[in-house]
């Protein structure tokens, strides 16, 4: 049974991320997100040394918001969750029919 609070969209979008890595060095990268909801997603292709609990700025088009890293894999994927009161930037402009699609 799926424990998620929000439905997810099975698509990929380009985003820009930036922040400070675990060695206290600033970074900026172009990556992709998948498994998108209004308040979270999975980042694909993260090369910087980041870890759960750190905060990233994420930009999709002209919209940006801050997200916390919830989990990180060795393959460069990271689960992210929007900080409280941040606007939903990843689902903006999607037709209502897509918002009803779940992952199972």
Protein backbone atom coordinates (compact mmCIF):
# COMPACT_ATOMS: atom_id res chain seq x y z
CA UNK A 1 0.00 0.00 0.00
CA UNK A 2 1.30 3.44 -0.96
CA UNK A 3 1.89 5.70 2.08
CA UNK A 4 2.30 8.92 0.11
CA UNK A 5 0.08 11.88 0.98
CA UNK A 6 0.05 13.25 -2.59
CA UNK A 7 -0.35 11.72 -6.00
CA UNK A 8 2.77 11.66 -8.18
CA UNK A 9 3.28 12.40 -11.87
CA UNK A 10 5.51 9.98 -13.74
CA UNK A 11 7.38 12.50 -15.89
CA UNK A 12 10.79 14.14 -16.09
CA UNK A 13 11.49 17.87 -16.02
CA UNK A 14 14.76 19.85 -16.20
CA UNK A 15 15.60 21.90 -13.10
CA UNK A 16 18.50 23.92 -11.76
CA UNK A 17 19.64 23.25 -8.20
CA UNK A 18 22.10 25.10 -6.01
CA UNK A 19 23.22 25.16 -2.43
CA UNK A 20 26.20 24.29 -0.24
CA UNK A 21 27.62 20.76 -0.22
CA UNK A 22 28.73 18.80 2.85
CA UNK A 23 32.25 20.24 2.47
CA UNK A 24 30.75 23.78 2.76
CA UNK A 25 31.41 24.50 -0.94
CA UNK A 26 28.74 26.26 -3.01
CA UNK A 27 27.47 24.37 -6.07
CA UNK A 28 25.01 24.75 -8.93
CA UNK A 29 23.88 21.96 -11.26
CA UNK A 30 21.43 21.25 -14.03
CA UNK A 31 19.61 18.00 -13.22
CA UNK A 32 16.22 16.41 -13.86
CA UNK A 33 13.32 15.63 -11.57
CA UNK A 34 10.94 12.69 -11.85
CA UNK A 35 8.07 11.26 -9.81
CA UNK A 36 6.79 14.80 -9.24
CA UNK A 37 4.14 16.02 -6.79
CA UNK A 38 3.25 19.54 -5.70
CA UNK A 39 5.58 19.26 -2.69
CA UNK A 40 8.27 16.76 -3.65
CA UNK A 41 10.17 14.90 -6.35
CA UNK A 42 13.17 12.72 -7.06
CA UNK A 43 16.27 14.47 -8.42
CA UNK A 44 18.25 12.54 -11.04
CA UNK A 45 21.94 13.08 -11.79
CA UNK A 46 23.08 14.94 -8.68
CA UNK A 47 26.89 15.07 -8.69
CA UNK A 48 27.51 17.32 -5.69
CA UNK A 49 28.25 15.83 -2.28
CA UNK A 50 24.95 16.51 -0.54
CA UNK A 51 23.23 14.59 2.24
CA UNK A 52 19.79 14.23 3.83
CA UNK A 53 18.70 17.23 5.87
CA UNK A 54 20.41 19.81 3.66
CA UNK A 55 18.38 22.52 1.93
CA UNK A 56 18.57 23.15 -1.82
CA UNK A 57 17.18 25.89 -4.00
CA UNK A 58 15.36 24.39 -6.99
CA UNK A 59 14.36 26.35 -10.09
CA UNK A 60 11.95 25.16 -12.79
CA UNK A 61 11.52 27.76 -15.51
CA UNK A 62 11.14 31.12 -13.77
CA UNK A 63 9.78 29.57 -10.56
CA UNK A 64 11.94 28.59 -7.62
CA UNK A 65 11.54 27.23 -4.12
CA UNK A 66 13.56 25.64 -1.33
CA UNK A 67 13.51 21.89 -0.75
CA UNK A 68 15.01 19.65 1.91
CA UNK A 69 16.84 16.48 0.88
CA UNK A 70 14.99 13.55 2.45
CA UNK A 71 17.13 10.71 1.10
CA UNK A 72 20.16 10.28 -1.18
CA UNK A 73 21.29 7.25 -3.18
CA UNK A 74 24.80 6.31 -4.29
CA UNK A 75 23.64 6.52 -7.91
CA UNK A 76 23.00 10.28 -7.72
CA UNK A 77 19.28 10.28 -6.99
CA UNK A 78 17.81 12.32 -4.15
CA UNK A 79 14.31 12.55 -2.72
CA UNK A 80 13.35 16.15 -2.00
CA UNK A 81 10.46 17.74 -0.12
CA UNK A 82 9.41 21.40 -0.34
CA UNK A 83 9.88 23.45 2.81
CA UNK A 84 6.70 24.63 4.52
CA UNK A 85 5.00 27.59 2.82
CA UNK A 86 6.97 27.20 -0.42
CA UNK A 87 4.85 27.46 -3.59
CA UNK A 88 4.36 24.34 -5.73
CA UNK A 89 6.77 24.94 -8.61
CA UNK A 90 6.93 21.52 -10.27
CA UNK A 91 3.25 20.98 -11.08
CA UNK A 92 2.47 24.49 -12.33
CA UNK A 93 0.69 24.53 -15.67
CA UNK A 94 -0.09 20.81 -15.77
CA UNK A 95 -3.60 19.93 -16.87
CA UNK A 96 -5.96 18.74 -14.12
CA UNK A 97 -6.15 15.28 -15.71
CA UNK A 98 -2.45 14.73 -14.88
CA UNK A 99 -2.97 15.64 -11.23
CA UNK A 100 -5.22 12.59 -10.86
CA UNK A 101 -2.58 10.10 -12.03
CA UNK A 102 -1.05 8.07 -9.20
CA UNK A 103 1.83 5.62 -9.08
CA UNK A 104 -0.15 2.74 -7.81
